[in-house]
């Protein structure tokens, strides 16, 4: 009943619940869609079919995040039998476990970008000649300070993520490594 669904939402402090029939999710009950009297109404009357709102639990995050940005919720299903595995909301992206995962992904991406840039400019002098106009003063200052303190490092190790994005977007050779033709395309996919 609608009353039971509302009670379950209230008890769990959820705004949505999956509607399940025969172990298969058939839709999503939205608590906030219930405005008037529920007398004589069924859960289906307040249910949204989820046909476009499903995702397999092993789907890659780069595919899931854009889909989640287009909807309020994704129903996570098991790939082997299509049964409900969970619900993912946009708010879940702001929780600590996701932030930790995202940070690790960005760090890995930065590492790969640094590796590619270092291959194109192995020496610090080459690096500064090629990318000096792209990197910021703060990065140059950090690298200079490290050199003065006797820390032997490559300037690529001092870059911030936005500088990696700029370098890849503005340098045709780096864009080509990513299979991108234009700066606009690189900035779109890299978040610049």
C-alpha atoms as a PDB file:
ATOM      1  CA  UNK A   1       0.000   0.000   0.000  1.00  0.00           C
ATOM      2  CA  UNK A   2       0.996   3.637  -0.433  1.00  0.00           C
ATOM      3  CA  UNK A   3       0.752   4.185   3.323  1.00  0.00           C
ATOM      4  CA  UNK A   4       3.239   1.351   3.974  1.00  0.00           C
ATOM      5  CA  UNK A   5       5.616   2.714   1.332  1.00  0.00           C
ATOM      6  CA  UNK A   6       5.458   6.181   2.943  1.00  0.00           C
ATOM      7  CA  UNK A   7       6.028   4.625   6.366  1.00  0.00           C
ATOM      8  CA  UNK A   8       9.086   2.728   5.075  1.00  0.00           C
ATOM      9  CA  UNK A   9      10.474   5.883   3.478  1.00  0.00           C
ATOM     10  CA  UNK A  10       9.950   7.846   6.690  1.00  0.00           C
ATOM     11  CA  UNK A  11      11.442   5.104   8.870  1.00  0.00           C
ATOM     12  CA  UNK A  12      14.570   4.753   6.706  1.00  0.00           C
ATOM     13  CA  UNK A  13      14.791   8.497   5.950  1.00  0.00           C
ATOM     14  CA  UNK A  14      14.648   7.790   2.203  1.00  0.00           C
ATOM     15  CA  UNK A  15      12.817   9.734  -0.477  1.00  0.00           C
ATOM     16  CA  UNK A  16      12.650   6.786  -2.857  1.00  0.00           C
ATOM     17  CA  UNK A  17      12.091   3.054  -2.701  1.00  0.00           C
ATOM     18  CA  UNK A  18      12.391   0.422  -5.401  1.00  0.00           C
ATOM     19  CA  UNK A  19       9.160  -1.283  -6.367  1.00  0.00           C
ATOM     20  CA  UNK A  20       9.872  -4.996  -6.698  1.00  0.00           C
ATOM     21  CA  UNK A  21       7.716  -7.750  -8.185  1.00  0.00           C
ATOM     22  CA  UNK A  22       9.006 -11.325  -8.368  1.00  0.00           C
ATOM     23  CA  UNK A  23      12.518 -10.188  -7.368  1.00  0.00           C
ATOM     24  CA  UNK A  24      12.629  -7.799 -10.331  1.00  0.00           C
ATOM     25  CA  UNK A  25      12.565  -4.039  -9.951  1.00  0.00           C
ATOM     26  CA  UNK A  26       9.650  -2.636 -11.915  1.00  0.00           C
ATOM     27  CA  UNK A  27       9.878   1.000 -10.854  1.00  0.00           C
ATOM     28  CA  UNK A  28      10.736   3.571  -8.254  1.00  0.00           C
ATOM     29  CA  UNK A  29       8.336   4.945  -5.659  1.00  0.00           C
ATOM     30  CA  UNK A  30       8.966   8.645  -5.036  1.00  0.00           C
ATOM     31  CA  UNK A  31       7.892   9.859  -1.616  1.00  0.00           C
ATOM     32  CA  UNK A  32       7.741  13.476  -2.776  1.00  0.00           C
ATOM     33  CA  UNK A  33       5.247  12.641  -5.554  1.00  0.00           C
ATOM     34  CA  UNK A  34       2.593  11.835  -2.932  1.00  0.00           C
ATOM     35  CA  UNK A  35       0.856  15.157  -2.385  1.00  0.00           C
ATOM     36  CA  UNK A  36      -2.829  14.451  -1.830  1.00  0.00           C
ATOM     37  CA  UNK A  37      -4.879  11.720  -0.229  1.00  0.00           C
ATOM     38  CA  UNK A  38      -3.657   8.229  -0.956  1.00  0.00           C
ATOM     39  CA  UNK A  39      -7.024   6.634  -0.284  1.00  0.00           C
ATOM     40  CA  UNK A  40      -7.730   3.946  -2.839  1.00  0.00           C
ATOM     41  CA  UNK A  41      -4.445   4.514  -4.673  1.00  0.00           C
ATOM     42  CA  UNK A  42      -1.775   1.928  -5.278  1.00  0.00           C
ATOM     43  CA  UNK A  43       2.005   2.290  -5.146  1.00  0.00           C
ATOM     44  CA  UNK A  44       1.991   1.990  -8.938  1.00  0.00           C
ATOM     45  CA  UNK A  45       0.066   5.289  -9.094  1.00  0.00           C
ATOM     46  CA  UNK A  46       3.157   7.030  -7.679  1.00  0.00           C
ATOM     47  CA  UNK A  47       5.749   4.839  -9.318  1.00  0.00           C
ATOM     48  CA  UNK A  48       8.123   5.891 -12.058  1.00  0.00           C
ATOM     49  CA  UNK A  49       9.181   3.079 -14.416  1.00  0.00           C
ATOM     50  CA  UNK A  50      12.915   2.805 -14.367  1.00  0.00           C
ATOM     51  CA  UNK A  51      13.571   1.479 -17.866  1.00  0.00           C
ATOM     52  CA  UNK A  52      16.149   4.225 -18.533  1.00  0.00           C
ATOM     53  CA  UNK A  53      17.226   4.430 -14.909  1.00  0.00           C
ATOM     54  CA  UNK A  54      19.042   1.134 -14.488  1.00  0.00           C
ATOM     55  CA  UNK A  55      22.711   0.391 -14.386  1.00  0.00           C
ATOM     56  CA  UNK A  56      24.624  -2.815 -13.826  1.00  0.00           C
ATOM     57  CA  UNK A  57      26.700  -2.784 -10.649  1.00  0.00           C
ATOM     58  CA  UNK A  58      29.885  -3.431 -12.625  1.00  0.00           C
ATOM     59  CA  UNK A  59      29.334  -0.499 -15.004  1.00  0.00           C
ATOM     60  CA  UNK A  60      32.374   1.807 -15.275  1.00  0.00           C
ATOM     61  CA  UNK A  61      32.034   5.071 -13.342  1.00  0.00           C
ATOM     62  CA  UNK A  62      32.825   7.242 -16.388  1.00  0.00           C
ATOM     63  CA  UNK A  63      29.623   5.828 -17.939  1.00  0.00           C
ATOM     64  CA  UNK A  64      27.520   5.979 -14.769  1.00  0.00           C
ATOM     65  CA  UNK A  65      28.230   9.567 -13.700  1.00  0.00           C
ATOM     66  CA  UNK A  66      26.883  11.280 -16.862  1.00  0.00           C
ATOM     67  CA  UNK A  67      23.752   9.117 -16.738  1.00  0.00           C
ATOM     68  CA  UNK A  68      23.240   9.970 -13.081  1.00  0.00           C
ATOM     69  CA  UNK A  69      23.611  13.660 -13.887  1.00  0.00           C
ATOM     70  CA  UNK A  70      20.607  13.344 -16.237  1.00  0.00           C
ATOM     71  CA  UNK A  71      18.298  11.720 -13.688  1.00  0.00           C
ATOM     72  CA  UNK A  72      17.712  11.765  -9.957  1.00  0.00           C
ATOM     73  CA  UNK A  73      18.357   8.092  -9.361  1.00  0.00           C
ATOM     74  CA  UNK A  74      19.757   4.930 -10.896  1.00  0.00           C
ATOM     75  CA  UNK A  75      18.647   1.471  -9.873  1.00  0.00           C
ATOM     76  CA  UNK A  76      21.692  -0.758  -9.572  1.00  0.00           C
ATOM     77  CA  UNK A  77      21.032  -4.310 -10.728  1.00  0.00           C
ATOM     78  CA  UNK A  78      23.075  -7.491 -10.646  1.00  0.00           C
ATOM     79  CA  UNK A  79      24.390  -8.319 -14.111  1.00  0.00           C
ATOM     80  CA  UNK A  80      23.958 -12.061 -13.718  1.00  0.00           C
ATOM     81  CA  UNK A  81      20.241 -12.118 -12.834  1.00  0.00           C
ATOM     82  CA  UNK A  82      18.853  -8.567 -13.109  1.00  0.00           C
ATOM     83  CA  UNK A  83      17.885  -8.462  -9.417  1.00  0.00           C
ATOM     84  CA  UNK A  84      18.044  -5.282  -7.374  1.00  0.00           C
ATOM     85  CA  UNK A  85      21.475  -4.599  -5.893  1.00  0.00           C
ATOM     86  CA  UNK A  86      20.967  -1.028  -4.701  1.00  0.00           C
ATOM     87  CA  UNK A  87      20.004   2.515  -5.531  1.00  0.00           C
ATOM     88  CA  UNK A  88      22.416   5.253  -6.510  1.00  0.00           C
ATOM     89  CA  UNK A  89      21.441   8.909  -6.211  1.00  0.00           C
ATOM     90  CA  UNK A  90      23.286  12.009  -7.227  1.00  0.00           C
ATOM     91  CA  UNK A  91      23.750  12.800  -3.531  1.00  0.00           C
ATOM     92  CA  UNK A  92      25.798   9.594  -3.192  1.00  0.00           C
ATOM     93  CA  UNK A  93      28.520  11.259  -5.258  1.00  0.00           C
ATOM     94  CA  UNK A  94      29.067  13.705  -2.411  1.00  0.00           C
ATOM     95  CA  UNK A  95      29.732  11.012   0.182  1.00  0.00           C
ATOM     96  CA  UNK A  96      33.193  10.226   1.521  1.00  0.00           C
ATOM     97  CA  UNK A  97      33.667   6.787  -0.130  1.00  0.00           C
ATOM     98  CA  UNK A  98      32.995   8.240  -3.563  1.00  0.00           C
ATOM     99  CA  UNK A  99      35.248  11.242  -2.904  1.00  0.00           C
ATOM    100  CA  UNK A 100      38.078   8.910  -1.865  1.00  0.00           C
ATOM    101  CA  UNK A 101      37.587   6.843  -5.017  1.00  0.00           C
ATOM    102  CA  UNK A 102      37.425   9.948  -7.180  1.00  0.00           C
ATOM    103  CA  UNK A 103      40.606  11.337  -5.611  1.00  0.00           C
ATOM    104  CA  UNK A 104      42.408   8.064  -6.347  1.00  0.00           C
ATOM    105  CA  UNK A 105      41.172   8.160  -9.945  1.00  0.00           C
ATOM    106  CA  UNK A 106      42.375  11.748 -10.392  1.00  0.00           C
ATOM    107  CA  UNK A 107      45.750  10.897  -8.872  1.00  0.00           C
ATOM    108  CA  UNK A 108      46.083   7.965 -11.273  1.00  0.00           C
ATOM    109  CA  UNK A 109      45.098  10.184 -14.209  1.00  0.00           C
ATOM    110  CA  UNK A 110      47.624  12.839 -13.160  1.00  0.00           C
ATOM    111  CA  UNK A 111      50.311  10.155 -12.944  1.00  0.00           C
ATOM    112  CA  UNK A 112      49.569   8.925 -16.471  1.00  0.00           C
ATOM    113  CA  UNK A 113      49.467  12.479 -17.828  1.00  0.00           C
ATOM    114  CA  UNK A 114      52.795  13.266 -16.133  1.00  0.00           C
ATOM    115  CA  UNK A 115      54.318  10.139 -17.657  1.00  0.00           C
ATOM    116  CA  UNK A 116      53.205  11.150 -21.149  1.00  0.00           C
ATOM    117  CA  UNK A 117      54.420  14.736 -20.719  1.00  0.00           C
ATOM    118  CA  UNK A 118      57.765  13.555 -19.395  1.00  0.00           C
ATOM    119  CA  UNK A 119      58.207  11.362 -22.478  1.00  0.00           C
ATOM    120  CA  UNK A 120      57.719  14.409 -24.705  1.00  0.00           C
ATOM    121  CA  UNK A 121      60.089  16.521 -22.597  1.00  0.00           C
ATOM    122  CA  UNK A 122      62.539  14.336 -20.652  1.00  0.00           C
ATOM    123  CA  UNK A 123      64.724  17.140 -19.288  1.00  0.00           C
ATOM    124  CA  UNK A 124      63.491  20.045 -17.153  1.00  0.00           C
ATOM    125  CA  UNK A 125      64.863  22.479 -19.744  1.00  0.00           C
ATOM    126  CA  UNK A 126      62.927  20.762 -22.547  1.00  0.00           C
ATOM    127  CA  UNK A 127      59.827  20.723 -20.381  1.00  0.00           C
ATOM    128  CA  UNK A 128      60.011  24.447 -19.632  1.00  0.00           C
ATOM    129  CA  UNK A 129      60.643  25.259 -23.315  1.00  0.00           C
ATOM    130  CA  UNK A 130      57.626  23.249 -24.457  1.00  0.00           C
ATOM    131  CA  UNK A 131      55.177  23.848 -21.607  1.00  0.00           C
ATOM    132  CA  UNK A 132      56.535  26.962 -19.875  1.00  0.00           C
ATOM    133  CA  UNK A 133      53.825  29.204 -21.311  1.00  0.00           C
ATOM    134  CA  UNK A 134      51.096  26.848 -20.092  1.00  0.00           C
ATOM    135  CA  UNK A 135      52.138  26.199 -16.523  1.00  0.00           C
ATOM    136  CA  UNK A 136      51.438  28.748 -13.814  1.00  0.00           C
ATOM    137  CA  UNK A 137      53.826  30.915 -11.833  1.00  0.00           C
ATOM    138  CA  UNK A 138      53.058  28.944  -8.661  1.00  0.00           C
ATOM    139  CA  UNK A 139      54.243  25.747 -10.302  1.00  0.00           C
ATOM    140  CA  UNK A 140      57.416  27.394 -11.552  1.00  0.00           C
ATOM    141  CA  UNK A 141      58.042  28.847  -8.082  1.00  0.00           C
ATOM    142  CA  UNK A 142      57.546  25.448  -6.401  1.00  0.00           C
ATOM    143  CA  UNK A 143      59.975  23.854  -8.816  1.00  0.00           C
ATOM    144  CA  UNK A 144      62.528  26.652  -8.335  1.00  0.00           C
ATOM    145  CA  UNK A 145      62.225  26.316  -4.534  1.00  0.00           C
ATOM    146  CA  UNK A 146      62.752  22.565  -4.754  1.00  0.00           C
ATOM    147  CA  UNK A 147      65.869  23.117  -6.865  1.00  0.00           C
ATOM    148  CA  UNK A 148      67.263  25.638  -4.349  1.00  0.00           C
ATOM    149  CA  UNK A 149      66.685  23.139  -1.548  1.00  0.00           C
ATOM    150  CA  UNK A 150      68.609  20.498  -3.486  1.00  0.00           C
ATOM    151  CA  UNK A 151      65.570  18.404  -4.352  1.00  0.00           C
ATOM    152  CA  UNK A 152      66.140  16.949  -7.787  1.00  0.00           C
ATOM    153  CA  UNK A 153      62.762  16.615  -9.442  1.00  0.00           C
ATOM    154  CA  UNK A 154      61.152  17.214 -12.780  1.00  0.00           C
ATOM    155  CA  UNK A 155      58.815  20.203 -13.158  1.00  0.00           C
ATOM    156  CA  UNK A 156      55.986  17.884 -14.242  1.00  0.00           C
ATOM    157  CA  UNK A 157      55.872  16.639 -10.635  1.00  0.00           C
ATOM    158  CA  UNK A 158      54.785  20.122  -9.522  1.00  0.00           C
ATOM    159  CA  UNK A 159      51.818  20.521 -11.874  1.00  0.00           C
ATOM    160  CA  UNK A 160      48.278  20.946 -10.650  1.00  0.00           C
ATOM    161  CA  UNK A 161      45.447  19.083 -12.351  1.00  0.00           C
ATOM    162  CA  UNK A 162      44.205  22.178 -14.176  1.00  0.00           C
ATOM    163  CA  UNK A 163      47.678  22.624 -15.688  1.00  0.00           C
ATOM    164  CA  UNK A 164      47.650  19.033 -16.956  1.00  0.00           C
ATOM    165  CA  UNK A 165      44.281  19.708 -18.565  1.00  0.00           C
ATOM    166  CA  UNK A 166      45.528  22.947 -20.132  1.00  0.00           C
ATOM    167  CA  UNK A 167      48.704  21.284 -21.408  1.00  0.00           C
ATOM    168  CA  UNK A 168      46.809  18.423 -23.012  1.00  0.00           C
ATOM    169  CA  UNK A 169      44.168  20.739 -24.447  1.00  0.00           C
ATOM    170  CA  UNK A 170      46.669  23.232 -25.898  1.00  0.00           C
ATOM    171  CA  UNK A 171      49.310  20.811 -27.190  1.00  0.00           C
ATOM    172  CA  UNK A 172      48.408  18.935 -30.389  1.00  0.00           C
ATOM    173  CA  UNK A 173      50.940  16.161 -29.697  1.00  0.00           C
ATOM    174  CA  UNK A 174      49.424  15.479 -26.263  1.00  0.00           C
ATOM    175  CA  UNK A 175      45.871  15.654 -27.602  1.00  0.00           C
ATOM    176  CA  UNK A 176      46.804  13.098 -30.254  1.00  0.00           C
ATOM    177  CA  UNK A 177      47.847  10.649 -27.510  1.00  0.00           C
ATOM    178  CA  UNK A 178      44.281  10.899 -26.179  1.00  0.00           C
ATOM    179  CA  UNK A 179      42.796  10.607 -29.669  1.00  0.00           C
ATOM    180  CA  UNK A 180      41.399  14.140 -29.540  1.00  0.00           C
ATOM    181  CA  UNK A 181      41.677  16.626 -32.356  1.00  0.00           C
ATOM    182  CA  UNK A 182      40.675  19.935 -30.785  1.00  0.00           C
ATOM    183  CA  UNK A 183      41.398  21.818 -27.580  1.00  0.00           C
ATOM    184  CA  UNK A 184      37.663  22.167 -27.002  1.00  0.00           C
ATOM    185  CA  UNK A 185      37.196  18.412 -27.199  1.00  0.00           C
ATOM    186  CA  UNK A 186      40.065  17.795 -24.749  1.00  0.00           C
ATOM    187  CA  UNK A 187      38.745  20.351 -22.276  1.00  0.00           C
ATOM    188  CA  UNK A 188      35.257  18.834 -22.474  1.00  0.00           C
ATOM    189  CA  UNK A 189      36.467  15.345 -21.612  1.00  0.00           C
ATOM    190  CA  UNK A 190      39.175  16.350 -19.168  1.00  0.00           C
ATOM    191  CA  UNK A 191      36.998  18.848 -17.304  1.00  0.00           C
ATOM    192  CA  UNK A 192      38.854  22.027 -18.176  1.00  0.00           C
END
